[in-house]
Amino acid sequence: MPRLAVALRALALPVAALLAIAPSTPAHAKPEPKAPKEFVALGDVDPTIRQEIRYFTPHNFTGDPVDGYRRPMCVLTRPAAEALHRAQRQLLRRGYTLKVYDCYRPQRAVNGFVEWAKDLDDQRMKGEFYPRVDKSRLFEDGYIAGKSGHSRGSTVDLTIVPLPALPTRPYVPGEKLAPCYAAKEDRFPDNSVDMGTGYDCFDTLSHTLDPRITGAQRANRLLLKSTLEQRGFVNLAEEWWHYTYQPEPFPDTYFDFPVARRSLTG
């Protein structure tokens, strides 16, 4: 027998031995849930709408990227996305663009908010997002809840940006925080028009028609409100940025598929 063949035969191991040293095959992970066919990526319906998905980043009231946000993308039911497209066309003619902060939100993200709210020791982002609210009152005051309309897929958080849209610098974890209700030039920079507070500001000044919001700030809120209401959206009175398209395709279902392109079946 040639020397090479002898050497190879000597090195050969029985199949049983190979299986013994091979890494064990992990149990099959439970497949991630998928979105119903009625869900779409907003960028596929209207690529001109800006997207700044805050919960994909640490610049939110928890201080960390939020569970369930695999990509910085807006996912919505098709009727809501198409209604936003119609609102966008109207604003573009006036020299503005919509910008979304959050769209569909997985239930796991909402669960994460609840757990964060229970941890009273974690107050890293208090200086920006809830300076005047004791964290122990976030449930009682309605800022955190166990269910969110966002998980039904037809609710969106958004604002208006003047064109040409300037870039917004990224948040640097650990940087000095400014109150979300401070003057626009003093709070965290945003390329949007001045709405009187920043996004996700846990404060009564965020109430859409709060009488302390006047002048250009009030006019900007009313522009967003009137534009979206013409397209079938209803505002949440406590949050100037929060709108739900009606009728909702899934008014009683809270989904938990991840925010990711692969979650979309269409």
Protein backbone atom coordinates (compact mmCIF):
# COMPACT_ATOMS: atom_id res chain seq x y z
CA MET A 1 0.00 0.00 0.00
CA PRO A 2 1.48 3.41 -0.86
CA ARG A 3 2.83 5.38 2.11
CA LEU A 4 0.32 8.23 1.67
CA ALA A 5 -2.64 5.86 1.80
CA VAL A 6 -1.26 4.18 4.91
CA ALA A 7 -0.85 7.52 6.62
CA LEU A 8 -4.35 8.61 5.75
CA ARG A 9 -5.79 5.32 6.96
CA ALA A 10 -3.95 5.67 10.25
CA LEU A 11 -5.38 9.14 10.74
CA ALA A 12 -8.93 8.06 9.92
CA LEU A 13 -11.36 7.87 12.83
CA PRO A 14 -14.49 5.77 13.12
CA VAL A 15 -17.72 7.58 12.48
CA ALA A 16 -18.77 7.08 16.12
CA ALA A 17 -15.59 8.76 17.30
CA LEU A 18 -16.12 11.69 14.96
CA LEU A 19 -19.65 12.16 16.29
CA ALA A 20 -18.35 12.02 19.84
CA ILE A 21 -15.95 14.94 19.35
CA ALA A 22 -18.22 16.98 17.06
CA PRO A 23 -19.97 19.93 18.72
CA SER A 24 -23.47 19.02 19.80
CA THR A 25 -26.21 20.38 17.61
CA PRO A 26 -28.22 23.00 19.50
CA ALA A 27 -31.92 22.50 19.84
CA HIS A 28 -33.83 24.34 17.16
CA ALA A 29 -34.62 27.85 18.34
CA LYS A 30 -38.23 28.88 18.19
CA PRO A 31 -38.71 30.74 14.90
CA GLU A 32 -39.32 34.46 15.15
CA PRO A 33 -42.91 35.54 14.46
CA LYS A 34 -43.59 37.12 11.10
CA ALA A 35 -45.70 40.12 10.24
CA PRO A 36 -49.04 39.60 8.52
CA LYS A 37 -49.09 40.45 4.83
CA GLU A 38 -50.82 43.74 5.63
CA PHE A 39 -47.55 45.16 7.05
CA VAL A 40 -45.02 47.01 4.89
CA ALA A 41 -41.80 48.96 5.20
CA LEU A 42 -42.62 52.67 5.04
CA GLY A 43 -39.53 53.21 2.89
CA ASP A 44 -41.05 50.98 0.21
CA VAL A 45 -44.20 53.10 0.14
CA ASP A 46 -42.56 56.52 0.42
CA PRO A 47 -38.74 56.73 0.48
CA THR A 48 -38.85 60.53 0.87
CA ILE A 49 -40.13 60.41 4.46
CA ARG A 50 -37.19 60.74 6.85
CA GLN A 51 -36.64 58.06 9.45
CA GLU A 52 -34.87 58.54 12.79
CA ILE A 53 -35.83 55.41 14.70
CA ARG A 54 -34.85 56.40 18.22
CA TYR A 55 -35.38 53.03 19.91
CA PHE A 56 -32.76 51.43 17.68
CA THR A 57 -30.27 53.80 19.33
CA PRO A 58 -29.39 54.62 22.97
CA HIS A 59 -30.93 58.09 22.57
CA ASN A 60 -34.23 57.32 24.27
CA PHE A 61 -35.57 57.46 27.80
CA THR A 62 -34.04 54.06 28.73
CA GLY A 63 -30.53 54.97 27.58
CA ASP A 64 -30.09 51.71 25.66
CA PRO A 65 -31.13 50.30 22.27
CA VAL A 66 -34.51 48.66 22.78
CA ASP A 67 -35.18 44.93 22.42
CA GLY A 68 -36.96 44.03 19.19
CA TYR A 69 -35.50 46.78 17.01
CA ARG A 70 -33.18 44.84 14.69
CA ARG A 71 -33.03 47.56 12.03
CA PRO A 72 -33.60 51.33 12.08
CA MET A 73 -36.68 51.10 9.90
CA CYS A 74 -40.34 52.06 10.07
CA VAL A 75 -42.84 49.22 9.68
CA LEU A 76 -46.58 49.97 9.47
CA THR A 77 -49.80 48.50 8.19
CA ARG A 78 -50.20 49.37 4.53
CA PRO A 79 -53.21 51.70 5.01
CA ALA A 80 -51.26 53.76 7.57
CA ALA A 81 -48.17 53.89 5.36
CA GLU A 82 -50.18 54.96 2.32
CA ALA A 83 -51.95 57.64 4.37
CA LEU A 84 -48.56 58.99 5.47
CA HIS A 85 -47.50 59.06 1.82
CA ARG A 86 -50.48 61.28 1.01
CA ALA A 87 -49.67 63.58 3.93
CA GLN A 88 -46.06 63.75 2.79
CA ARG A 89 -47.06 64.88 -0.70
CA GLN A 90 -49.05 67.68 0.85
CA LEU A 91 -46.15 68.82 3.04
CA LEU A 92 -43.55 68.58 0.28
CA ARG A 93 -45.48 71.21 -1.66
CA ARG A 94 -45.03 73.53 1.31
CA GLY A 95 -41.30 72.92 1.70
CA TYR A 96 -41.47 70.36 4.50
CA THR A 97 -41.00 66.64 5.00
CA LEU A 98 -42.29 64.22 7.61
CA LYS A 99 -39.82 62.47 9.89
CA VAL A 100 -40.80 59.38 11.88
CA TYR A 101 -39.29 58.51 15.26
CA ASP A 102 -41.16 55.26 15.87
CA CYS A 103 -43.76 53.17 14.05
CA TYR A 104 -44.71 49.56 14.78
CA ARG A 105 -43.31 48.60 18.21
CA PRO A 106 -42.94 44.93 19.23
CA GLN A 107 -44.63 43.86 22.46
CA ARG A 108 -41.21 42.76 23.75
CA ALA A 109 -40.10 46.40 23.55
CA VAL A 110 -43.13 47.48 25.58
CA ASN A 111 -42.31 44.78 28.13
CA GLY A 112 -38.79 46.19 28.30
CA PHE A 113 -40.15 49.66 29.02
CA VAL A 114 -42.18 48.24 31.91
CA GLU A 115 -39.14 46.52 33.41
CA TRP A 116 -37.07 49.70 32.98
CA ALA A 117 -39.75 51.77 34.75
CA LYS A 118 -39.69 49.39 37.72
CA ASP A 119 -35.94 49.88 38.15
CA LEU A 120 -35.92 53.11 40.12
CA ASP A 121 -32.11 53.07 40.35
CA ASP A 122 -31.69 53.55 36.58
CA GLN A 123 -32.20 57.25 36.03
CA ARG A 124 -29.48 57.85 33.43
CA MET A 125 -31.76 59.74 31.04
CA LYS A 126 -33.91 61.61 33.56
CA GLY A 127 -32.18 64.91 32.84
CA GLU A 128 -33.51 64.94 29.28
CA PHE A 129 -36.72 62.92 29.12
CA TYR A 130 -38.44 63.28 32.51
CA PRO A 131 -36.71 66.03 34.53
CA ARG A 132 -39.84 67.06 36.43
CA VAL A 133 -41.42 63.63 36.90
CA ASP A 134 -40.47 61.21 39.66
CA LYS A 135 -39.72 57.87 38.04
CA SER A 136 -41.89 56.09 40.59
CA ARG A 137 -44.93 57.86 39.06
CA LEU A 138 -44.39 56.87 35.41
CA PHE A 139 -47.13 54.21 35.54
CA GLU A 140 -49.55 56.28 37.56
CA ASP A 141 -49.11 59.33 35.34
CA GLY A 142 -49.63 57.28 32.18
CA TYR A 143 -46.19 57.63 30.63
CA ILE A 144 -45.53 53.87 30.73
CA ALA A 145 -48.11 51.10 30.23
CA GLY A 146 -48.15 47.38 29.61
CA LYS A 147 -49.73 47.77 26.17
CA SER A 148 -49.11 50.25 23.37
CA GLY A 149 -51.13 51.10 20.29
CA HIS A 150 -47.83 51.02 18.40
CA SER A 151 -47.86 47.22 18.69
CA ARG A 152 -51.04 47.11 16.59
CA GLY A 153 -49.11 48.56 13.65
CA SER A 154 -51.05 51.69 12.72
CA THR A 155 -49.59 54.19 15.20
CA VAL A 156 -46.65 56.43 14.42
CA ASP A 157 -44.55 59.02 16.28
CA LEU A 158 -43.44 61.79 13.95
CA THR A 159 -42.61 65.42 13.34
CA ILE A 160 -42.06 67.93 10.53
CA VAL A 161 -38.68 68.93 9.12
CA PRO A 162 -38.05 71.96 6.89
CA LEU A 163 -36.35 71.34 3.55
CA PRO A 164 -33.54 71.00 2.79
CA ALA A 165 -33.30 68.65 5.76
CA LEU A 166 -30.09 69.17 7.69
CA PRO A 167 -28.47 66.17 9.39
CA THR A 168 -28.95 65.65 13.12
CA ARG A 169 -25.82 64.78 15.03
CA PRO A 170 -25.80 61.42 16.83
CA TYR A 171 -26.23 61.19 20.57
CA VAL A 172 -23.08 60.29 22.50
CA PRO A 173 -23.85 58.07 25.51
CA GLY A 174 -22.84 59.81 28.70
CA GLU A 175 -22.99 63.32 27.29
CA LYS A 176 -24.50 66.11 29.36
CA LEU A 177 -28.29 66.10 29.07
CA ALA A 178 -30.58 69.09 28.59
CA PRO A 179 -34.27 69.10 29.57
CA CYS A 180 -36.60 68.13 26.73
CA TYR A 181 -38.71 71.24 27.42
CA ALA A 182 -35.78 73.66 27.22
CA ALA A 183 -35.58 76.25 24.44
CA LYS A 184 -34.87 74.62 21.09
CA GLU A 185 -31.32 75.97 20.99
CA ASP A 186 -30.60 74.48 24.42
CA ARG A 187 -32.12 70.99 24.17
CA PHE A 188 -30.69 68.09 22.17
CA PRO A 189 -30.47 69.19 18.53
CA ASP A 190 -33.14 68.02 16.11
CA ASN A 191 -33.56 69.06 12.49
CA SER A 192 -37.32 69.39 12.95
CA VAL A 193 -39.36 72.55 13.35
CA ASP A 194 -39.76 73.75 16.94
CA MET A 195 -42.61 71.84 18.58
CA GLY A 196 -42.02 73.28 22.05
CA THR A 197 -40.51 70.07 23.47
CA GLY A 198 -38.36 67.27 22.19
CA TYR A 199 -39.70 63.84 21.26
CA ASP A 200 -40.75 61.52 24.10
CA CYS A 201 -40.76 64.37 26.61
CA PHE A 202 -42.53 63.09 29.74
CA ASP A 203 -44.06 66.43 30.66
CA THR A 204 -47.44 68.12 30.41
CA LEU A 205 -45.90 70.58 27.95
CA SER A 206 -46.05 67.71 25.46
CA HIS A 207 -49.84 67.82 25.49
CA THR A 208 -50.70 68.82 21.93
CA LEU A 209 -52.88 71.80 22.83
CA ASP A 210 -51.22 72.83 26.10
CA PRO A 211 -52.04 76.57 26.41
CA ARG A 212 -48.45 77.40 27.38
CA ILE A 213 -47.34 76.44 23.87
CA THR A 214 -47.93 79.52 21.72
CA GLY A 215 -46.71 81.30 18.61
CA ALA A 216 -44.66 79.35 16.07
CA GLN A 217 -44.49 76.28 18.30
CA ARG A 218 -48.28 76.02 18.45
CA ALA A 219 -48.55 76.71 14.71
CA ASN A 220 -46.13 73.86 14.00
CA ARG A 221 -48.11 71.43 16.13
CA LEU A 222 -51.33 72.46 14.43
CA LEU A 223 -49.76 72.05 10.98
CA LEU A 224 -48.82 68.46 11.83
CA LYS A 225 -52.22 67.82 13.39
CA SER A 226 -54.32 69.23 10.58
CA THR A 227 -52.24 67.56 7.87
CA LEU A 228 -52.52 64.13 9.45
CA GLU A 229 -56.15 64.44 10.45
CA GLN A 230 -57.03 65.11 6.82
CA ARG A 231 -55.49 61.72 6.04
CA GLY A 232 -57.35 59.73 8.68
CA PHE A 233 -55.02 59.97 11.67
CA VAL A 234 -56.13 60.71 15.23
CA ASN A 235 -53.82 62.45 17.68
CA LEU A 236 -53.19 61.32 21.25
CA ALA A 237 -53.89 64.54 23.18
CA GLU A 238 -51.04 63.94 25.65
CA GLU A 239 -48.33 63.63 22.97
CA TRP A 240 -48.00 66.05 20.07
CA TRP A 241 -46.01 63.45 18.08
CA HIS A 242 -48.37 60.45 18.47
CA TYR A 243 -50.94 59.59 15.75
CA THR A 244 -53.02 56.52 14.95
CA TYR A 245 -54.53 55.79 11.56
CA GLN A 246 -58.19 54.80 11.66
CA PRO A 247 -59.83 52.49 11.05
CA GLU A 248 -57.04 50.23 12.27
CA PRO A 249 -56.69 46.92 10.41
CA PHE A 250 -55.77 45.20 13.72
CA PRO A 251 -57.56 47.12 16.49
CA ASP A 252 -57.28 44.32 19.06
CA THR A 253 -53.99 42.58 18.21
CA TYR A 254 -50.62 43.37 19.78
CA PHE A 255 -47.84 41.92 17.64
CA ASP A 256 -44.34 40.88 18.68
CA PHE A 257 -42.42 40.27 15.47
CA PRO A 258 -39.03 42.10 15.38
CA VAL A 259 -38.55 45.33 13.48
CA ALA A 260 -36.57 43.90 10.57
CA ARG A 261 -36.87 43.41 6.84
CA ARG A 262 -37.02 39.63 7.28
CA SER A 263 -40.14 39.97 9.44
CA LEU A 264 -42.12 41.18 6.43
CA THR A 265 -43.74 38.39 4.44
CA GLY A 266 -44.75 40.52 1.49
